[in-house]
N, C-alpha and C. Protein backbone atom coordinates (compact mmCIF):
# COMPACT_ATOMS: atom_id res chain seq x y z
N UNK A 1 142.62 113.18 67.61
CA UNK A 1 142.01 112.22 66.74
C UNK A 1 141.79 112.87 65.38
N UNK A 2 142.14 112.15 64.36
CA UNK A 2 142.02 112.67 63.01
C UNK A 2 140.91 111.95 62.25
N UNK A 3 140.13 112.73 61.51
CA UNK A 3 139.11 112.20 60.63
C UNK A 3 139.33 112.80 59.25
N UNK A 4 139.17 111.97 58.23
CA UNK A 4 139.30 112.42 56.85
C UNK A 4 137.99 112.15 56.13
N UNK A 5 137.60 113.06 55.24
CA UNK A 5 136.35 112.92 54.50
C UNK A 5 136.58 113.21 53.02
N UNK A 6 135.65 112.73 52.21
CA UNK A 6 135.67 113.04 50.77
C UNK A 6 134.26 112.82 50.22
N UNK A 7 133.99 113.39 49.08
CA UNK A 7 132.71 113.18 48.41
C UNK A 7 132.78 112.05 47.40
N UNK A 8 134.00 111.68 47.01
CA UNK A 8 134.22 110.61 46.04
C UNK A 8 135.50 109.90 46.45
N UNK A 9 135.45 108.59 46.63
CA UNK A 9 136.62 107.86 47.12
C UNK A 9 137.82 107.93 46.19
N UNK A 10 137.63 108.31 44.94
CA UNK A 10 138.74 108.43 44.00
C UNK A 10 139.33 109.83 43.98
N UNK A 11 138.76 110.74 44.73
CA UNK A 11 139.26 112.12 44.82
C UNK A 11 140.14 112.26 46.07
N UNK A 12 140.64 113.45 46.27
CA UNK A 12 141.50 113.73 47.42
C UNK A 12 140.69 113.77 48.71
N UNK A 13 141.25 113.19 49.77
CA UNK A 13 140.61 113.20 51.09
C UNK A 13 141.00 114.47 51.83
N UNK A 14 140.06 115.02 52.59
CA UNK A 14 140.29 116.24 53.35
C UNK A 14 140.31 115.92 54.84
N UNK A 15 141.33 116.42 55.51
CA UNK A 15 141.43 116.23 56.96
C UNK A 15 140.53 117.26 57.64
N UNK A 16 139.67 116.79 58.55
CA UNK A 16 138.79 117.71 59.26
C UNK A 16 139.59 118.50 60.29
N UNK A 17 139.18 119.75 60.56
CA UNK A 17 139.95 120.63 61.44
C UNK A 17 139.85 120.24 62.91
N UNK A 18 140.74 120.84 63.71
CA UNK A 18 140.68 120.66 65.15
C UNK A 18 139.42 121.32 65.70
N UNK A 19 138.86 120.74 66.75
CA UNK A 19 137.65 121.30 67.35
C UNK A 19 137.88 121.50 68.84
N UNK A 20 136.98 122.24 69.46
CA UNK A 20 137.07 122.49 70.90
C UNK A 20 135.96 121.74 71.63
N UNK A 21 136.06 121.72 72.94
CA UNK A 21 135.01 121.10 73.76
C UNK A 21 133.70 121.86 73.58
N UNK A 22 133.79 123.15 73.37
CA UNK A 22 132.59 123.96 73.14
C UNK A 22 131.86 123.51 71.88
N UNK A 23 132.62 123.19 70.83
CA UNK A 23 132.00 122.71 69.59
C UNK A 23 131.21 121.42 69.83
N UNK A 24 131.76 120.52 70.64
CA UNK A 24 131.09 119.26 70.93
C UNK A 24 129.82 119.51 71.74
N UNK A 25 129.91 120.40 72.74
CA UNK A 25 128.71 120.72 73.55
C UNK A 25 127.62 121.32 72.68
N UNK A 26 127.99 122.25 71.81
CA UNK A 26 126.97 122.88 70.96
C UNK A 26 126.41 121.90 69.92
N UNK A 27 127.23 120.98 69.44
CA UNK A 27 126.79 120.01 68.44
C UNK A 27 125.73 119.08 69.00
N UNK A 28 125.74 118.86 70.31
CA UNK A 28 124.74 117.99 70.93
C UNK A 28 123.32 118.54 70.75
N UNK A 29 123.20 119.85 70.62
CA UNK A 29 121.87 120.47 70.54
C UNK A 29 121.40 120.70 69.12
N UNK A 30 122.22 120.40 68.14
CA UNK A 30 121.91 120.76 66.75
C UNK A 30 121.50 119.54 65.94
N UNK A 31 120.43 119.70 65.17
CA UNK A 31 120.05 118.72 64.15
C UNK A 31 120.31 119.40 62.80
N UNK A 32 121.10 118.73 61.99
CA UNK A 32 121.52 119.36 60.73
C UNK A 32 121.66 118.30 59.65
N UNK A 33 121.17 118.58 58.47
CA UNK A 33 121.38 117.71 57.32
C UNK A 33 122.60 118.24 56.59
N UNK A 34 123.65 117.43 56.54
CA UNK A 34 124.90 117.87 55.94
C UNK A 34 124.79 117.96 54.42
N UNK A 35 125.42 118.99 53.86
CA UNK A 35 125.35 119.25 52.43
C UNK A 35 126.47 118.55 51.66
N UNK A 36 127.58 118.26 52.35
CA UNK A 36 128.75 117.69 51.68
C UNK A 36 129.78 118.74 51.34
N UNK A 37 129.43 120.01 51.51
CA UNK A 37 130.36 121.12 51.29
C UNK A 37 130.87 121.56 52.65
N UNK A 38 132.15 121.33 52.92
CA UNK A 38 132.72 121.61 54.24
C UNK A 38 132.77 123.09 54.58
N UNK A 39 132.68 123.95 53.57
CA UNK A 39 132.74 125.40 53.80
C UNK A 39 131.36 126.04 53.97
N UNK A 40 130.31 125.24 53.93
CA UNK A 40 128.96 125.76 54.14
C UNK A 40 128.84 126.31 55.55
N UNK A 41 128.20 127.46 55.68
CA UNK A 41 128.00 128.07 56.99
C UNK A 41 126.74 127.47 57.60
N UNK A 42 126.86 127.01 58.84
CA UNK A 42 125.74 126.38 59.54
C UNK A 42 124.92 127.49 60.21
N UNK A 43 123.68 127.64 59.76
CA UNK A 43 122.78 128.64 60.33
C UNK A 43 121.67 127.87 61.04
N UNK A 44 121.75 127.83 62.36
CA UNK A 44 120.79 127.05 63.15
C UNK A 44 120.40 127.80 64.40
N UNK A 45 119.33 127.39 64.98
CA UNK A 45 118.94 127.86 66.29
C UNK A 45 118.73 126.63 67.16
N UNK A 46 119.46 126.41 68.22
CA UNK A 46 120.45 127.30 68.80
C UNK A 46 121.67 127.45 67.90
N UNK A 47 122.35 128.56 68.04
CA UNK A 47 123.45 128.88 67.13
C UNK A 47 124.65 127.97 67.34
N UNK A 48 125.44 127.86 66.30
CA UNK A 48 126.69 127.10 66.34
C UNK A 48 127.81 128.11 66.14
N UNK A 49 128.58 128.37 67.16
CA UNK A 49 129.54 129.47 67.15
C UNK A 49 130.68 129.28 66.16
N UNK A 50 131.02 128.05 65.80
CA UNK A 50 132.15 127.83 64.90
C UNK A 50 131.79 127.99 63.43
N UNK A 51 130.57 128.09 63.11
CA UNK A 51 130.02 128.41 61.79
C UNK A 51 130.09 127.33 60.73
N UNK A 52 131.26 126.73 60.46
CA UNK A 52 131.41 125.90 59.27
C UNK A 52 130.97 124.46 59.49
N UNK A 53 130.46 123.87 58.40
CA UNK A 53 129.97 122.50 58.43
C UNK A 53 131.09 121.51 58.74
N UNK A 54 132.30 121.80 58.36
CA UNK A 54 133.43 120.90 58.64
C UNK A 54 133.63 120.72 60.14
N UNK A 55 133.46 121.77 60.91
CA UNK A 55 133.64 121.69 62.36
C UNK A 55 132.48 120.94 63.00
N UNK A 56 131.26 121.21 62.53
CA UNK A 56 130.10 120.48 63.05
C UNK A 56 130.20 118.99 62.73
N UNK A 57 130.64 118.67 61.52
CA UNK A 57 130.80 117.27 61.14
C UNK A 57 131.82 116.57 62.05
N UNK A 58 132.95 117.21 62.28
CA UNK A 58 133.97 116.61 63.15
C UNK A 58 133.42 116.43 64.57
N UNK A 59 132.70 117.43 65.08
CA UNK A 59 132.13 117.33 66.43
C UNK A 59 131.16 116.17 66.53
N UNK A 60 130.31 115.97 65.51
CA UNK A 60 129.36 114.87 65.53
C UNK A 60 130.08 113.52 65.42
N UNK A 61 131.11 113.44 64.59
CA UNK A 61 131.87 112.19 64.47
C UNK A 61 132.58 111.83 65.77
N UNK A 62 133.14 112.82 66.44
CA UNK A 62 133.80 112.57 67.73
C UNK A 62 132.78 112.09 68.76
N UNK A 63 131.60 112.70 68.78
CA UNK A 63 130.55 112.26 69.71
C UNK A 63 130.19 110.80 69.45
N UNK A 64 130.00 110.43 68.19
CA UNK A 64 129.65 109.06 67.84
C UNK A 64 130.78 108.10 68.22
N UNK A 65 132.01 108.49 67.93
CA UNK A 65 133.16 107.63 68.21
C UNK A 65 133.29 107.32 69.70
N UNK A 66 133.14 108.33 70.55
CA UNK A 66 133.31 108.13 71.98
C UNK A 66 132.10 107.50 72.67
N UNK A 67 130.96 107.47 72.01
CA UNK A 67 129.76 106.88 72.63
C UNK A 67 129.44 105.49 72.08
N UNK A 68 130.29 104.97 71.21
CA UNK A 68 130.02 103.69 70.57
C UNK A 68 131.11 102.70 70.92
N UNK A 69 130.69 101.50 71.22
CA UNK A 69 131.64 100.43 71.49
C UNK A 69 131.09 99.16 70.87
N UNK A 70 131.92 98.47 70.13
CA UNK A 70 131.50 97.23 69.49
C UNK A 70 132.25 96.08 70.13
N UNK A 71 131.51 95.10 70.59
CA UNK A 71 132.08 93.90 71.21
C UNK A 71 131.47 92.67 70.55
N UNK A 72 132.22 91.59 70.46
CA UNK A 72 131.66 90.37 69.87
C UNK A 72 130.52 89.80 70.72
N UNK A 73 129.53 89.28 70.06
CA UNK A 73 128.39 88.69 70.74
C UNK A 73 128.83 87.49 71.58
N UNK A 74 128.38 87.46 72.83
CA UNK A 74 128.70 86.36 73.72
C UNK A 74 129.97 86.53 74.52
N UNK A 75 130.72 87.60 74.28
CA UNK A 75 131.99 87.83 75.00
C UNK A 75 131.74 88.30 76.43
N UNK A 76 130.64 89.01 76.66
CA UNK A 76 130.32 89.55 77.98
C UNK A 76 128.94 89.11 78.42
N UNK A 77 128.74 89.08 79.73
CA UNK A 77 127.41 88.78 80.29
C UNK A 77 127.10 89.81 81.35
N UNK A 78 125.82 89.97 81.64
CA UNK A 78 125.38 90.93 82.66
C UNK A 78 125.73 90.38 84.03
N UNK A 79 126.24 91.26 84.87
CA UNK A 79 126.62 90.88 86.23
C UNK A 79 125.40 90.34 86.97
N UNK A 80 125.56 89.24 87.74
CA UNK A 80 124.41 88.66 88.44
C UNK A 80 123.84 89.57 89.54
N UNK A 81 124.61 90.54 90.02
CA UNK A 81 124.10 91.41 91.08
C UNK A 81 123.38 92.65 90.54
N UNK A 82 123.11 92.70 89.22
CA UNK A 82 122.37 93.83 88.63
C UNK A 82 120.89 93.70 88.99
N UNK A 83 120.31 94.78 89.51
CA UNK A 83 118.90 94.75 89.87
C UNK A 83 118.04 95.15 88.66
N UNK A 84 116.72 95.02 88.81
CA UNK A 84 115.81 95.27 87.70
C UNK A 84 115.87 96.73 87.24
N UNK A 85 116.01 97.66 88.18
CA UNK A 85 116.08 99.09 87.84
C UNK A 85 117.29 99.39 86.97
N UNK A 86 118.45 98.89 87.35
CA UNK A 86 119.66 99.16 86.58
C UNK A 86 119.60 98.47 85.22
N UNK A 87 118.99 97.29 85.16
CA UNK A 87 118.86 96.59 83.89
C UNK A 87 117.96 97.37 82.93
N UNK A 88 116.87 97.92 83.47
CA UNK A 88 115.93 98.67 82.65
C UNK A 88 116.57 99.95 82.10
N UNK A 89 117.46 100.58 82.86
CA UNK A 89 118.09 101.84 82.46
C UNK A 89 119.45 101.65 81.80
N UNK A 90 119.84 100.40 81.55
CA UNK A 90 121.14 100.09 80.93
C UNK A 90 122.32 100.62 81.73
N UNK A 91 122.25 100.53 83.07
CA UNK A 91 123.34 100.98 83.94
C UNK A 91 124.04 99.80 84.59
N UNK A 92 123.91 98.63 84.04
CA UNK A 92 124.47 97.45 84.67
C UNK A 92 125.92 97.22 84.25
N UNK A 93 126.63 96.47 85.09
CA UNK A 93 128.02 96.12 84.80
C UNK A 93 128.07 94.85 83.96
N UNK A 94 129.06 94.77 83.10
CA UNK A 94 129.25 93.57 82.29
C UNK A 94 130.48 92.82 82.80
N UNK A 95 130.39 91.52 82.76
CA UNK A 95 131.52 90.67 83.14
C UNK A 95 131.95 89.87 81.92
N UNK A 96 133.25 89.68 81.80
CA UNK A 96 133.76 88.89 80.69
C UNK A 96 133.46 87.41 80.93
N UNK A 97 133.00 86.74 79.89
CA UNK A 97 132.69 85.32 79.97
C UNK A 97 134.01 84.54 80.04
N UNK A 98 134.02 83.46 80.80
CA UNK A 98 135.23 82.65 80.92
C UNK A 98 135.69 82.15 79.56
N UNK A 99 136.99 82.06 79.38
CA UNK A 99 137.55 81.69 78.09
C UNK A 99 137.04 80.35 77.57
N UNK A 100 136.82 79.42 78.47
CA UNK A 100 136.37 78.09 78.04
C UNK A 100 134.95 78.14 77.47
N UNK A 101 134.12 79.08 77.96
CA UNK A 101 132.72 79.16 77.54
C UNK A 101 132.55 80.03 76.30
N UNK A 102 133.49 80.92 76.05
CA UNK A 102 133.35 81.83 74.91
C UNK A 102 133.99 81.24 73.66
N UNK A 103 133.21 81.18 72.61
CA UNK A 103 133.70 80.69 71.32
C UNK A 103 133.77 81.89 70.37
N UNK A 104 134.96 82.37 70.02
CA UNK A 104 135.03 83.54 69.14
C UNK A 104 134.49 83.22 67.75
N UNK A 105 133.94 84.25 67.09
CA UNK A 105 133.41 84.02 65.74
C UNK A 105 134.52 83.64 64.77
N UNK A 106 134.17 82.83 63.79
CA UNK A 106 135.16 82.44 62.77
C UNK A 106 135.06 83.40 61.60
N UNK A 107 136.09 83.42 60.82
CA UNK A 107 136.12 84.34 59.67
C UNK A 107 135.29 83.72 58.60
């Protein structure tokens, strides 16, 4: 997966580097305010072994990308066999609404 970043949309875009699974695991534990300089060394506790802000940024973007899903409102409904415990913990299954009942949004 490729991500490109820039500080000004009229300037050149920079492709973020390849990352490892270790970078993603370590990024989960880090809170960091990004400076916008991809070569800044990340000094945090717990430590980040890859050092540079560009790698931490890519790891955080990948985490967000894989944990986010956008679906149109009304396209899915909660399965009727979901119990109260699963509903409270957001572990329920979703079922697609029948085509006749779903009205897609207009442009």
